[in-house]
Amino acid sequence: MDLSEQLKRLFPDHVPAAEETSSPEQSFFSGQTDPVRCIYEKRKGKPVTIIEGFDMDESSQQELAKKIKVLLGVGGTYKAGQIIIQGDYRPKIMAYLTDLGYKVKRVGG
């Protein structure tokens, strides 16, 4: 007897909810054709990661920037179509964006 059969015996009136096919994180992806660029630079001697090339509106980019900053626990900003993150976090950012469904191209360093 597996778990689902045991649950049916304990709760015969319960109707299981249908599972969602897409996660809320994937609401950013808009069928983008060009890859997002993940760039490493040094500004004033300090490393920064710049993410650019999104095909989405400004408010969605700002929301995505906030999620990336919270994920990494670092500072950053959104300016003129670029998400600027303090520090070199290209592998983690690229993995996160790939999970969201974006094609990511690593640039620099």
PDB file of N, CA and C in Angstrom:
ATOM      1  N   MET A   1       0.855  -1.171   0.000  1.00  0.00           N
ATOM      2  CA  MET A   1       0.000   0.000   0.000  1.00  0.00           C
ATOM      3  C   MET A   1       0.909   1.244   0.000  1.00  0.00           C
ATOM      4  N   ASP A   2       0.720   2.104  -0.988  1.00  0.00           N
ATOM      5  CA  ASP A   2       1.550   3.297  -1.064  1.00  0.00           C
ATOM      6  C   ASP A   2       0.878   4.453  -0.311  1.00  0.00           C
ATOM      7  N   LEU A   3       1.559   5.565  -0.285  1.00  0.00           N
ATOM      8  CA  LEU A   3       1.117   6.714   0.496  1.00  0.00           C
ATOM      9  C   LEU A   3      -0.213   7.272   0.001  1.00  0.00           C
ATOM     10  N   SER A   4      -0.413   7.334  -1.305  1.00  0.00           N
ATOM     11  CA  SER A   4      -1.664   7.902  -1.821  1.00  0.00           C
ATOM     12  C   SER A   4      -2.877   7.067  -1.411  1.00  0.00           C
ATOM     13  N   GLU A   5      -2.731   5.742  -1.364  1.00  0.00           N
ATOM     14  CA  GLU A   5      -3.832   4.894  -0.928  1.00  0.00           C
ATOM     15  C   GLU A   5      -4.120   5.080   0.555  1.00  0.00           C
ATOM     16  N   GLN A   6      -3.070   5.253   1.344  1.00  0.00           N
ATOM     17  CA  GLN A   6      -3.257   5.490   2.775  1.00  0.00           C
ATOM     18  C   GLN A   6      -3.976   6.817   3.004  1.00  0.00           C
ATOM     19  N   LEU A   7      -3.604   7.828   2.244  1.00  0.00           N
ATOM     20  CA  LEU A   7      -4.251   9.132   2.392  1.00  0.00           C
ATOM     21  C   LEU A   7      -5.722   9.069   1.981  1.00  0.00           C
ATOM     22  N   LYS A   8      -6.033   8.280   0.945  1.00  0.00           N
ATOM     23  CA  LYS A   8      -7.424   8.134   0.515  1.00  0.00           C
ATOM     24  C   LYS A   8      -8.263   7.472   1.599  1.00  0.00           C
ATOM     25  N   ARG A   9      -7.666   6.534   2.318  1.00  0.00           N
ATOM     26  CA  ARG A   9      -8.399   5.879   3.417  1.00  0.00           C
ATOM     27  C   ARG A   9      -8.614   6.824   4.594  1.00  0.00           C
ATOM     28  N   LEU A  10      -7.605   7.641   4.892  1.00  0.00           N
ATOM     29  CA  LEU A  10      -7.738   8.578   6.010  1.00  0.00           C
ATOM     30  C   LEU A  10      -8.686   9.727   5.692  1.00  0.00           C
ATOM     31  N   PHE A  11      -8.629  10.227   4.441  1.00  0.00           N
ATOM     32  CA  PHE A  11      -9.429  11.381   4.043  1.00  0.00           C
ATOM     33  C   PHE A  11     -10.197  11.050   2.762  1.00  0.00           C
ATOM     34  N   PRO A  12     -11.304  10.330   2.879  1.00  0.00           N
ATOM     35  CA  PRO A  12     -12.023   9.886   1.673  1.00  0.00           C
ATOM     36  C   PRO A  12     -12.684  11.029   0.900  1.00  0.00           C
ATOM     37  N   ASP A  13     -13.017  12.137   1.567  1.00  0.00           N
ATOM     38  CA  ASP A  13     -13.703  13.240   0.887  1.00  0.00           C
ATOM     39  C   ASP A  13     -12.737  14.230   0.229  1.00  0.00           C
ATOM     40  N   HIS A  14     -11.450  14.085   0.490  1.00  0.00           N
ATOM     41  CA  HIS A  14     -10.455  15.037  -0.026  1.00  0.00           C
ATOM     42  C   HIS A  14     -10.231  14.832  -1.530  1.00  0.00           C
ATOM     43  N   VAL A  15     -10.253  15.956  -2.252  1.00  0.00           N
ATOM     44  CA  VAL A  15      -9.954  15.923  -3.688  1.00  0.00           C
ATOM     45  C   VAL A  15      -8.602  16.597  -3.885  1.00  0.00           C
ATOM     46  N   PRO A  16      -7.593  15.877  -4.390  1.00  0.00           N
ATOM     47  CA  PRO A  16      -6.276  16.497  -4.560  1.00  0.00           C
ATOM     48  C   PRO A  16      -6.318  17.613  -5.596  1.00  0.00           C
ATOM     49  N   ALA A  17      -5.587  18.684  -5.305  1.00  0.00           N
ATOM     50  CA  ALA A  17      -5.536  19.824  -6.211  1.00  0.00           C
ATOM     51  C   ALA A  17      -4.647  19.498  -7.405  1.00  0.00           C
ATOM     52  N   ALA A  18      -4.982  20.073  -8.531  1.00  0.00           N
ATOM     53  CA  ALA A  18      -4.157  19.876  -9.734  1.00  0.00           C
ATOM     54  C   ALA A  18      -2.839  20.612  -9.549  1.00  0.00           C
ATOM     55  N   GLU A  19      -1.746  19.988  -9.952  1.00  0.00           N
ATOM     56  CA  GLU A  19      -0.433  20.607  -9.814  1.00  0.00           C
ATOM     57  C   GLU A  19      -0.241  21.654 -10.888  1.00  0.00           C
ATOM     58  N   GLU A  20       0.466  22.731 -10.517  1.00  0.00           N
ATOM     59  CA  GLU A  20       0.748  23.786 -11.481  1.00  0.00           C
ATOM     60  C   GLU A  20       1.807  23.310 -12.452  1.00  0.00           C
ATOM     61  N   THR A  21       1.671  23.703 -13.713  1.00  0.00           N
ATOM     62  CA  THR A  21       2.647  23.282 -14.715  1.00  0.00           C
ATOM     63  C   THR A  21       3.848  24.209 -14.773  1.00  0.00           C
ATOM     64  N   SER A  22       3.691  25.460 -14.401  1.00  0.00           N
ATOM     65  CA  SER A  22       4.829  26.382 -14.406  1.00  0.00           C
ATOM     66  C   SER A  22       4.933  27.063 -13.055  1.00  0.00           C
ATOM     67  N   SER A  23       6.147  27.288 -12.639  1.00  0.00           N
ATOM     68  CA  SER A  23       6.366  27.945 -11.354  1.00  0.00           C
ATOM     69  C   SER A  23       6.201  29.449 -11.511  1.00  0.00           C
ATOM     70  N   PRO A  24       5.928  30.188 -10.427  1.00  0.00           N
ATOM     71  CA  PRO A  24       5.778  31.634 -10.539  1.00  0.00           C
ATOM     72  C   PRO A  24       7.074  32.326 -10.934  1.00  0.00           C
ATOM     73  N   GLU A  25       8.221  31.684 -10.707  1.00  0.00           N
ATOM     74  CA  GLU A  25       9.501  32.267 -11.090  1.00  0.00           C
ATOM     75  C   GLU A  25       9.621  32.404 -12.603  1.00  0.00           C
ATOM     76  N   GLN A  26       8.957  31.556 -13.367  1.00  0.00           N
ATOM     77  CA  GLN A  26       9.101  31.566 -14.808  1.00  0.00           C
ATOM     78  C   GLN A  26       8.201  32.594 -15.479  1.00  0.00           C
ATOM     79  N   SER A  27       7.536  33.447 -14.720  1.00  0.00           N
ATOM     80  CA  SER A  27       6.691  34.463 -15.314  1.00  0.00           C
ATOM     81  C   SER A  27       7.524  35.538 -16.005  1.00  0.00           C
ATOM     82  N   PHE A  28       8.823  35.632 -15.706  1.00  0.00           N
ATOM     83  CA  PHE A  28       9.681  36.619 -16.341  1.00  0.00           C
ATOM     84  C   PHE A  28       9.978  36.250 -17.788  1.00  0.00           C
ATOM     85  N   PHE A  29      10.094  34.978 -18.077  1.00  0.00           N
ATOM     86  CA  PHE A  29      10.526  34.528 -19.392  1.00  0.00           C
ATOM     87  C   PHE A  29       9.474  34.857 -20.438  1.00  0.00           C
ATOM     88  N   SER A  30       9.904  35.521 -21.508  1.00  0.00           N
ATOM     89  CA  SER A  30       8.954  35.962 -22.525  1.00  0.00           C
ATOM     90  C   SER A  30       9.288  35.410 -23.903  1.00  0.00           C
ATOM     91  N   GLY A  31       9.920  34.258 -23.993  1.00  0.00           N
ATOM     92  CA  GLY A  31      10.263  33.692 -25.282  1.00  0.00           C
ATOM     93  C   GLY A  31      11.382  34.444 -25.972  1.00  0.00           C
ATOM     94  N   GLN A  32      12.347  34.866 -25.228  1.00  0.00           N
ATOM     95  CA  GLN A  32      13.454  35.660 -25.725  1.00  0.00           C
ATOM     96  C   GLN A  32      14.330  34.832 -26.666  1.00  0.00           C
ATOM     97  N   THR A  33      14.748  35.429 -27.795  1.00  0.00           N
ATOM     98  CA  THR A  33      15.557  34.702 -28.771  1.00  0.00           C
ATOM     99  C   THR A  33      17.046  34.945 -28.586  1.00  0.00           C
ATOM    100  N   ASP A  34      17.458  36.169 -28.310  1.00  0.00           N
ATOM    101  CA  ASP A  34      18.872  36.481 -28.102  1.00  0.00           C
ATOM    102  C   ASP A  34      19.291  36.123 -26.690  1.00  0.00           C
ATOM    103  N   PRO A  35      20.533  35.667 -26.497  1.00  0.00           N
ATOM    104  CA  PRO A  35      20.971  35.312 -25.147  1.00  0.00           C
ATOM    105  C   PRO A  35      21.190  36.554 -24.279  1.00  0.00           C
ATOM    106  N   VAL A  36      20.979  36.393 -22.993  1.00  0.00           N
ATOM    107  CA  VAL A  36      21.266  37.434 -22.015  1.00  0.00           C
ATOM    108  C   VAL A  36      22.772  37.419 -21.786  1.00  0.00           C
ATOM    109  N   ARG A  37      23.392  38.592 -21.705  1.00  0.00           N
ATOM    110  CA  ARG A  37      24.835  38.678 -21.502  1.00  0.00           C
ATOM    111  C   ARG A  37      25.150  38.904 -20.027  1.00  0.00           C
ATOM    112  N   CYS A  38      26.061  38.106 -19.509  1.00  0.00           N
ATOM    113  CA  CYS A  38      26.508  38.209 -18.120  1.00  0.00           C
ATOM    114  C   CYS A  38      27.972  38.660 -18.179  1.00  0.00           C
ATOM    115  N   ILE A  39      28.227  39.919 -17.862  1.00  0.00           N
ATOM    116  CA  ILE A  39      29.525  40.550 -18.085  1.00  0.00           C
ATOM    117  C   ILE A  39      30.233  40.803 -16.761  1.00  0.00           C
ATOM    118  N   TYR A  40      31.549  40.550 -16.754  1.00  0.00           N
ATOM    119  CA  TYR A  40      32.386  40.837 -15.588  1.00  0.00           C
ATOM    120  C   TYR A  40      33.204  42.079 -15.895  1.00  0.00           C
ATOM    121  N   GLU A  41      33.203  43.047 -14.975  1.00  0.00           N
ATOM    122  CA  GLU A  41      34.005  44.262 -15.104  1.00  0.00           C
ATOM    123  C   GLU A  41      34.572  44.640 -13.749  1.00  0.00           C
ATOM    124  N   LYS A  42      35.571  45.506 -13.796  1.00  0.00           N
ATOM    125  CA  LYS A  42      36.057  46.137 -12.574  1.00  0.00           C
ATOM    126  C   LYS A  42      35.766  47.620 -12.689  1.00  0.00           C
ATOM    127  N   ARG A  43      35.085  48.136 -11.693  1.00  0.00           N
ATOM    128  CA  ARG A  43      34.785  49.562 -11.635  1.00  0.00           C
ATOM    129  C   ARG A  43      35.377  50.117 -10.357  1.00  0.00           C
ATOM    130  N   LYS A  44      36.252  51.088 -10.526  1.00  0.00           N
ATOM    131  CA  LYS A  44      36.980  51.693  -9.397  1.00  0.00           C
ATOM    132  C   LYS A  44      37.708  50.621  -8.600  1.00  0.00           C
ATOM    133  N   GLY A  45      38.247  49.624  -9.305  1.00  0.00           N
ATOM    134  CA  GLY A  45      39.029  48.569  -8.677  1.00  0.00           C
ATOM    135  C   GLY A  45      38.227  47.459  -8.031  1.00  0.00           C
ATOM    136  N   LYS A  46      36.908  47.535  -8.104  1.00  0.00           N
ATOM    137  CA  LYS A  46      36.064  46.517  -7.473  1.00  0.00           C
ATOM    138  C   LYS A  46      35.310  45.732  -8.544  1.00  0.00           C
ATOM    139  N   PRO A  47      35.149  44.413  -8.350  1.00  0.00           N
ATOM    140  CA  PRO A  47      34.472  43.604  -9.360  1.00  0.00           C
ATOM    141  C   PRO A  47      32.951  43.808  -9.328  1.00  0.00           C
ATOM    142  N   VAL A  48      32.356  43.853 -10.514  1.00  0.00           N
ATOM    143  CA  VAL A  48      30.906  43.917 -10.645  1.00  0.00           C
ATOM    144  C   VAL A  48      30.475  42.954 -11.751  1.00  0.00           C
ATOM    145  N   THR A  49      29.264  42.458 -11.633  1.00  0.00           N
ATOM    146  CA  THR A  49      28.663  41.610 -12.655  1.00  0.00           C
ATOM    147  C   THR A  49      27.511  42.390 -13.263  1.00  0.00           C
ATOM    148  N   ILE A  50      27.527  42.507 -14.586  1.00  0.00           N
ATOM    149  CA  ILE A  50      26.493  43.251 -15.303  1.00  0.00           C
ATOM    150  C   ILE A  50      25.687  42.266 -16.136  1.00  0.00           C
ATOM    151  N   ILE A  51      24.372  42.342 -16.019  1.00  0.00           N
ATOM    152  CA  ILE A  51      23.480  41.470 -16.773  1.00  0.00           C
ATOM    153  C   ILE A  51      22.654  42.373 -17.681  1.00  0.00           C
ATOM    154  N   GLU A  52      22.690  42.105 -18.987  1.00  0.00           N
ATOM    155  CA  GLU A  52      21.955  42.941 -19.937  1.00  0.00           C
ATOM    156  C   GLU A  52      21.438  42.088 -21.089  1.00  0.00           C
ATOM    157  N   GLY A  53      20.506  42.671 -21.849  1.00  0.00           N
ATOM    158  CA  GLY A  53      19.979  41.994 -23.016  1.00  0.00           C
ATOM    159  C   GLY A  53      18.614  41.365 -22.808  1.00  0.00           C
ATOM    160  N   PHE A  54      17.864  41.816 -21.815  1.00  0.00           N
ATOM    161  CA  PHE A  54      16.524  41.277 -21.570  1.00  0.00           C
ATOM    162  C   PHE A  54      15.521  41.916 -22.515  1.00  0.00           C
ATOM    163  N   ASP A  55      14.535  41.133 -22.957  1.00  0.00           N
ATOM    164  CA  ASP A  55      13.426  41.636 -23.757  1.00  0.00           C
ATOM    165  C   ASP A  55      12.191  41.713 -22.871  1.00  0.00           C
ATOM    166  N   MET A  56      12.214  42.627 -21.903  1.00  0.00           N
ATOM    167  CA  MET A  56      11.075  42.792 -20.992  1.00  0.00           C
ATOM    168  C   MET A  56      10.994  44.247 -20.575  1.00  0.00           C
ATOM    169  N   ASP A  57       9.882  44.622 -19.976  1.00  0.00           N
ATOM    170  CA  ASP A  57       9.717  46.006 -19.564  1.00  0.00           C
ATOM    171  C   ASP A  57      10.559  46.320 -18.328  1.00  0.00           C
ATOM    172  N   GLU A  58      10.687  47.608 -18.052  1.00  0.00           N
ATOM    173  CA  GLU A  58      11.580  48.074 -16.989  1.00  0.00           C
ATOM    174  C   GLU A  58      11.175  47.581 -15.607  1.00  0.00           C
ATOM    175  N   SER A  59       9.881  47.555 -15.307  1.00  0.00           N
ATOM    176  CA  SER A  59       9.438  47.124 -13.980  1.00  0.00           C
ATOM    177  C   SER A  59       9.753  45.644 -13.745  1.00  0.00           C
ATOM    178  N   SER A  60       9.636  44.820 -14.780  1.00  0.00           N
ATOM    179  CA  SER A  60       9.976  43.404 -14.646  1.00  0.00           C
ATOM    180  C   SER A  60      11.469  43.217 -14.434  1.00  0.00           C
ATOM    181  N   GLN A  61      12.275  44.039 -15.104  1.00  0.00           N
ATOM    182  CA  GLN A  61      13.727  43.957 -14.916  1.00  0.00           C
ATOM    183  C   GLN A  61      14.109  44.371 -13.496  1.00  0.00           C
ATOM    184  N   GLN A  62      13.454  45.392 -12.973  1.00  0.00           N
ATOM    185  CA  GLN A  62      13.734  45.817 -11.604  1.00  0.00           C
ATOM    186  C   GLN A  62      13.350  44.726 -10.612  1.00  0.00           C
ATOM    187  N   GLU A  63      12.241  44.059 -10.862  1.00  0.00           N
ATOM    188  CA  GLU A  63      11.806  42.964  -9.990  1.00  0.00           C
ATOM    189  C   GLU A  63      12.793  41.799 -10.047  1.00  0.00           C
ATOM    190  N   LEU A  64      13.270  41.476 -11.258  1.00  0.00           N
ATOM    191  CA  LEU A  64      14.255  40.410 -11.419  1.00  0.00           C
ATOM    192  C   LEU A  64      15.563  40.780 -10.729  1.00  0.00           C
ATOM    193  N   ALA A  65      15.972  42.049 -10.822  1.00  0.00           N
ATOM    194  CA  ALA A  65      17.191  42.510 -10.147  1.00  0.00           C
ATOM    195  C   ALA A  65      17.064  42.306  -8.641  1.00  0.00           C
ATOM    196  N   LYS A  66      15.912  42.625  -8.092  1.00  0.00           N
ATOM    197  CA  LYS A  66      15.684  42.457  -6.660  1.00  0.00           C
ATOM    198  C   LYS A  66      15.778  40.993  -6.261  1.00  0.00           C
ATOM    199  N   LYS A  67      15.189  40.095  -7.067  1.00  0.00           N
ATOM    200  CA  LYS A  67      15.237  38.665  -6.764  1.00  0.00           C
ATOM    201  C   LYS A  67      16.670  38.138  -6.809  1.00  0.00           C
ATOM    202  N   ILE A  68      17.459  38.606  -7.770  1.00  0.00           N
ATOM    203  CA  ILE A  68      18.858  38.170  -7.867  1.00  0.00           C
ATOM    204  C   ILE A  68      19.651  38.664  -6.668  1.00  0.00           C
ATOM    205  N   LYS A  69      19.427  39.916  -6.263  1.00  0.00           N
ATOM    206  CA  LYS A  69      20.154  40.461  -5.108  1.00  0.00           C
ATOM    207  C   LYS A  69      19.803  39.709  -3.828  1.00  0.00           C
ATOM    208  N   VAL A  70      18.540  39.364  -3.662  1.00  0.00           N
ATOM    209  CA  VAL A  70      18.121  38.609  -2.479  1.00  0.00           C
ATOM    210  C   VAL A  70      18.705  37.200  -2.514  1.00  0.00           C
ATOM    211  N   LEU A  71      18.690  36.582  -3.695  1.00  0.00           N
ATOM    212  CA  LEU A  71      19.245  35.241  -3.848  1.00  0.00           C
ATOM    213  C   LEU A  71      20.719  35.195  -3.445  1.00  0.00           C
ATOM    214  N   LEU A  72      21.487  36.196  -3.875  1.00  0.00           N
ATOM    215  CA  LEU A  72      22.921  36.217  -3.606  1.00  0.00           C
ATOM    216  C   LEU A  72      23.272  36.878  -2.275  1.00  0.00           C
ATOM    217  N   GLY A  73      22.380  37.691  -1.754  1.00  0.00           N
ATOM    218  CA  GLY A  73      22.666  38.393  -0.503  1.00  0.00           C
ATOM    219  C   GLY A  73      23.695  39.494  -0.683  1.00  0.00           C
ATOM    220  N   VAL A  74      23.645  40.176  -1.819  1.00  0.00           N
ATOM    221  CA  VAL A  74      24.603  41.237  -2.121  1.00  0.00           C
ATOM    222  C   VAL A  74      23.860  42.478  -2.576  1.00  0.00           C
ATOM    223  N   GLY A  75      24.601  43.562  -2.748  1.00  0.00           N
ATOM    224  CA  GLY A  75      24.031  44.806  -3.230  1.00  0.00           C
ATOM    225  C   GLY A  75      24.059  44.872  -4.737  1.00  0.00           C
ATOM    226  N   GLY A  76      23.328  45.818  -5.258  1.00  0.00           N
ATOM    227  CA  GLY A  76      23.298  46.013  -6.689  1.00  0.00           C
ATOM    228  C   GLY A  76      22.253  47.039  -7.055  1.00  0.00           C
ATOM    229  N   THR A  77      22.073  47.245  -8.365  1.00  0.00           N
ATOM    230  CA  THR A  77      21.121  48.239  -8.831  1.00  0.00           C
ATOM    231  C   THR A  77      20.644  47.881 -10.228  1.00  0.00           C
ATOM    232  N   TYR A  78      19.661  48.632 -10.686  1.00  0.00           N
ATOM    233  CA  TYR A  78      19.189  48.529 -12.059  1.00  0.00           C
ATOM    234  C   TYR A  78      19.315  49.908 -12.679  1.00  0.00           C
ATOM    235  N   LYS A  79      20.075  50.020 -13.779  1.00  0.00           N
ATOM    236  CA  LYS A  79      20.244  51.297 -14.461  1.00  0.00           C
ATOM    237  C   LYS A  79      20.256  51.084 -15.965  1.00  0.00           C
ATOM    238  N   ALA A  80      19.458  51.822 -16.674  1.00  0.00           N
ATOM    239  CA  ALA A  80      19.480  51.896 -18.136  1.00  0.00           C
ATOM    240  C   ALA A  80      19.509  50.532 -18.812  1.00  0.00           C
ATOM    241  N   GLY A  81      18.629  49.633 -18.410  1.00  0.00           N
ATOM    242  CA  GLY A  81      18.552  48.333 -19.049  1.00  0.00           C
ATOM    243  C   GLY A  81      19.594  47.335 -18.589  1.00  0.00           C
ATOM    244  N   GLN A  82      20.366  47.666 -17.561  1.00  0.00           N
ATOM    245  CA  GLN A  82      21.390  46.770 -17.037  1.00  0.00           C
ATOM    246  C   GLN A  82      21.130  46.489 -15.561  1.00  0.00           C
ATOM    247  N   ILE A  83      21.319  45.231 -15.172  1.00  0.00           N
ATOM    248  CA  ILE A  83      21.282  44.869 -13.759  1.00  0.00           C
ATOM    249  C   ILE A  83      22.730  44.772 -13.323  1.00  0.00           C
ATOM    250  N   ILE A  84      23.117  45.587 -12.339  1.00  0.00           N
ATOM    251  CA  ILE A  84      24.501  45.639 -11.873  1.00  0.00           C
ATOM    252  C   ILE A  84      24.556  45.045 -10.471  1.00  0.00           C
ATOM    253  N   ILE A  85      25.344  43.980 -10.314  1.00  0.00           N
ATOM    254  CA  ILE A  85      25.485  43.271  -9.038  1.00  0.00           C
ATOM    255  C   ILE A  85      26.905  43.462  -8.526  1.00  0.00           C
ATOM    256  N   GLN A  86      27.047  43.777  -7.251  1.00  0.00           N
ATOM    257  CA  GLN A  86      28.373  43.960  -6.663  1.00  0.00           C
ATOM    258  C   GLN A  86      29.040  42.610  -6.453  1.00  0.00           C
ATOM    259  N   GLY A  87      30.225  42.436  -7.044  1.00  0.00           N
ATOM    260  CA  GLY A  87      30.974  41.194  -6.897  1.00  0.00           C
ATOM    261  C   GLY A  87      30.884  40.343  -8.154  1.00  0.00           C
ATOM    262  N   ASP A  88      31.721  39.301  -8.215  1.00  0.00           N
ATOM    263  CA  ASP A  88      31.747  38.392  -9.356  1.00  0.00           C
ATOM    264  C   ASP A  88      30.936  37.146  -9.015  1.00  0.00           C
ATOM    265  N   TYR A  89      29.667  37.136  -9.408  1.00  0.00           N
ATOM    266  CA  TYR A  89      28.757  36.028  -9.124  1.00  0.00           C
ATOM    267  C   TYR A  89      28.215  35.418 -10.415  1.00  0.00           C
ATOM    268  N   ARG A  90      29.017  35.442 -11.477  1.00  0.00           N
ATOM    269  CA  ARG A  90      28.543  34.961 -12.774  1.00  0.00           C
ATOM    270  C   ARG A  90      28.039  33.520 -12.739  1.00  0.00           C
ATOM    271  N   PRO A  91      28.751  32.563 -12.133  1.00  0.00           N
ATOM    272  CA  PRO A  91      28.229  31.181 -12.167  1.00  0.00           C
ATOM    273  C   PRO A  91      26.855  31.032 -11.507  1.00  0.00           C
ATOM    274  N   LYS A  92      26.657  31.677 -10.360  1.00  0.00           N
ATOM    275  CA  LYS A  92      25.374  31.572  -9.661  1.00  0.00           C
ATOM    276  C   LYS A  92      24.265  32.279 -10.430  1.00  0.00           C
ATOM    277  N   ILE A  93      24.572  33.449 -10.981  1.00  0.00           N
ATOM    278  CA  ILE A  93      23.573  34.206 -11.740  1.00  0.00           C
ATOM    279  C   ILE A  93      23.198  33.450 -13.011  1.00  0.00           C
ATOM    280  N   MET A  94      24.198  32.905 -13.686  1.00  0.00           N
ATOM    281  CA  MET A  94      23.936  32.166 -14.916  1.00  0.00           C
ATOM    282  C   MET A  94      23.088  30.926 -14.639  1.00  0.00           C
ATOM    283  N   ALA A  95      23.359  30.238 -13.545  1.00  0.00           N
ATOM    284  CA  ALA A  95      22.561  29.066 -13.181  1.00  0.00           C
ATOM    285  C   ALA A  95      21.122  29.465 -12.874  1.00  0.00           C
ATOM    286  N   TYR A  96      20.932  30.563 -12.158  1.00  0.00           N
ATOM    287  CA  TYR A  96      19.591  31.031 -11.810  1.00  0.00           C
ATOM    288  C   TYR A  96      18.804  31.420 -13.058  1.00  0.00           C
ATOM    289  N   LEU A  97      19.439  32.176 -13.962  1.00  0.00           N
ATOM    290  CA  LEU A  97      18.753  32.603 -15.179  1.00  0.00           C
ATOM    291  C   LEU A  97      18.458  31.426 -16.097  1.00  0.00           C
ATOM    292  N   THR A  98      19.338  30.441 -16.118  1.00  0.00           N
ATOM    293  CA  THR A  98      19.103  29.241 -16.914  1.00  0.00           C
ATOM    294  C   THR A  98      17.903  28.470 -16.366  1.00  0.00           C
ATOM    295  N   ASP A  99      17.774  28.420 -15.045  1.00  0.00           N
ATOM    296  CA  ASP A  99      16.619  27.770 -14.426  1.00  0.00           C
ATOM    297  C   ASP A  99      15.313  28.484 -14.784  1.00  0.00           C
ATOM    298  N   LEU A 100      15.399  29.808 -14.990  1.00  0.00           N
ATOM    299  CA  LEU A 100      14.215  30.574 -15.383  1.00  0.00           C
ATOM    300  C   LEU A 100      13.883  30.396 -16.855  1.00  0.00           C
ATOM    301  N   GLY A 101      14.806  29.826 -17.622  1.00  0.00           N
ATOM    302  CA  GLY A 101      14.534  29.563 -19.032  1.00  0.00           C
ATOM    303  C   GLY A 101      15.261  30.465 -20.003  1.00  0.00           C
ATOM    304  N   TYR A 102      16.182  31.282 -19.529  1.00  0.00           N
ATOM    305  CA  TYR A 102      16.937  32.171 -20.399  1.00  0.00           C
ATOM    306  C   TYR A 102      18.180  31.481 -20.940  1.00  0.00           C
ATOM    307  N   LYS A 103      18.586  31.884 -22.132  1.00  0.00           N
ATOM    308  CA  LYS A 103      19.888  31.499 -22.660  1.00  0.00           C
ATOM    309  C   LYS A 103      20.861  32.560 -22.167  1.00  0.00           C
ATOM    310  N   VAL A 104      21.980  32.154 -21.582  1.00  0.00           N
ATOM    311  CA  VAL A 104      22.907  33.102 -20.982  1.00  0.00           C
ATOM    312  C   VAL A 104      24.270  32.945 -21.634  1.00  0.00           C
ATOM    313  N   LYS A 105      24.886  34.064 -21.978  1.00  0.00           N
ATOM    314  CA  LYS A 105      26.218  34.073 -22.579  1.00  0.00           C
ATOM    315  C   LYS A 105      27.174  34.747 -21.605  1.00  0.00           C
ATOM    316  N   ARG A 106      28.285  34.079 -21.302  1.00  0.00           N
ATOM    317  CA  ARG A 106      29.293  34.604 -20.387  1.00  0.00           C
ATOM    318  C   ARG A 106      30.249  35.485 -21.180  1.00  0.00           C
ATOM    319  N   VAL A 107      30.477  36.717 -20.698  1.00  0.00           N
ATOM    320  CA  VAL A 107      31.333  37.668 -21.371  1.00  0.00           C
ATOM    321  C   VAL A 107      32.367  38.208 -20.404  1.00  0.00           C
ATOM    322  N   GLY A 108      33.640  38.225 -20.798  1.00  0.00           N
ATOM    323  CA  GLY A 108      34.710  38.850 -19.998  1.00  0.00           C
ATOM    324  C   GLY A 108      35.269  37.925 -18.954  1.00  0.00           C
ATOM    325  N   GLY A 109      36.582  37.999 -18.804  1.00  0.00           N
ATOM    326  CA  GLY A 109      37.307  37.269 -17.761  1.00  0.00           C
ATOM    327  C   GLY A 109      37.208  35.815 -17.798  1.00  0.00           C
TER     328      GLY A 109
END
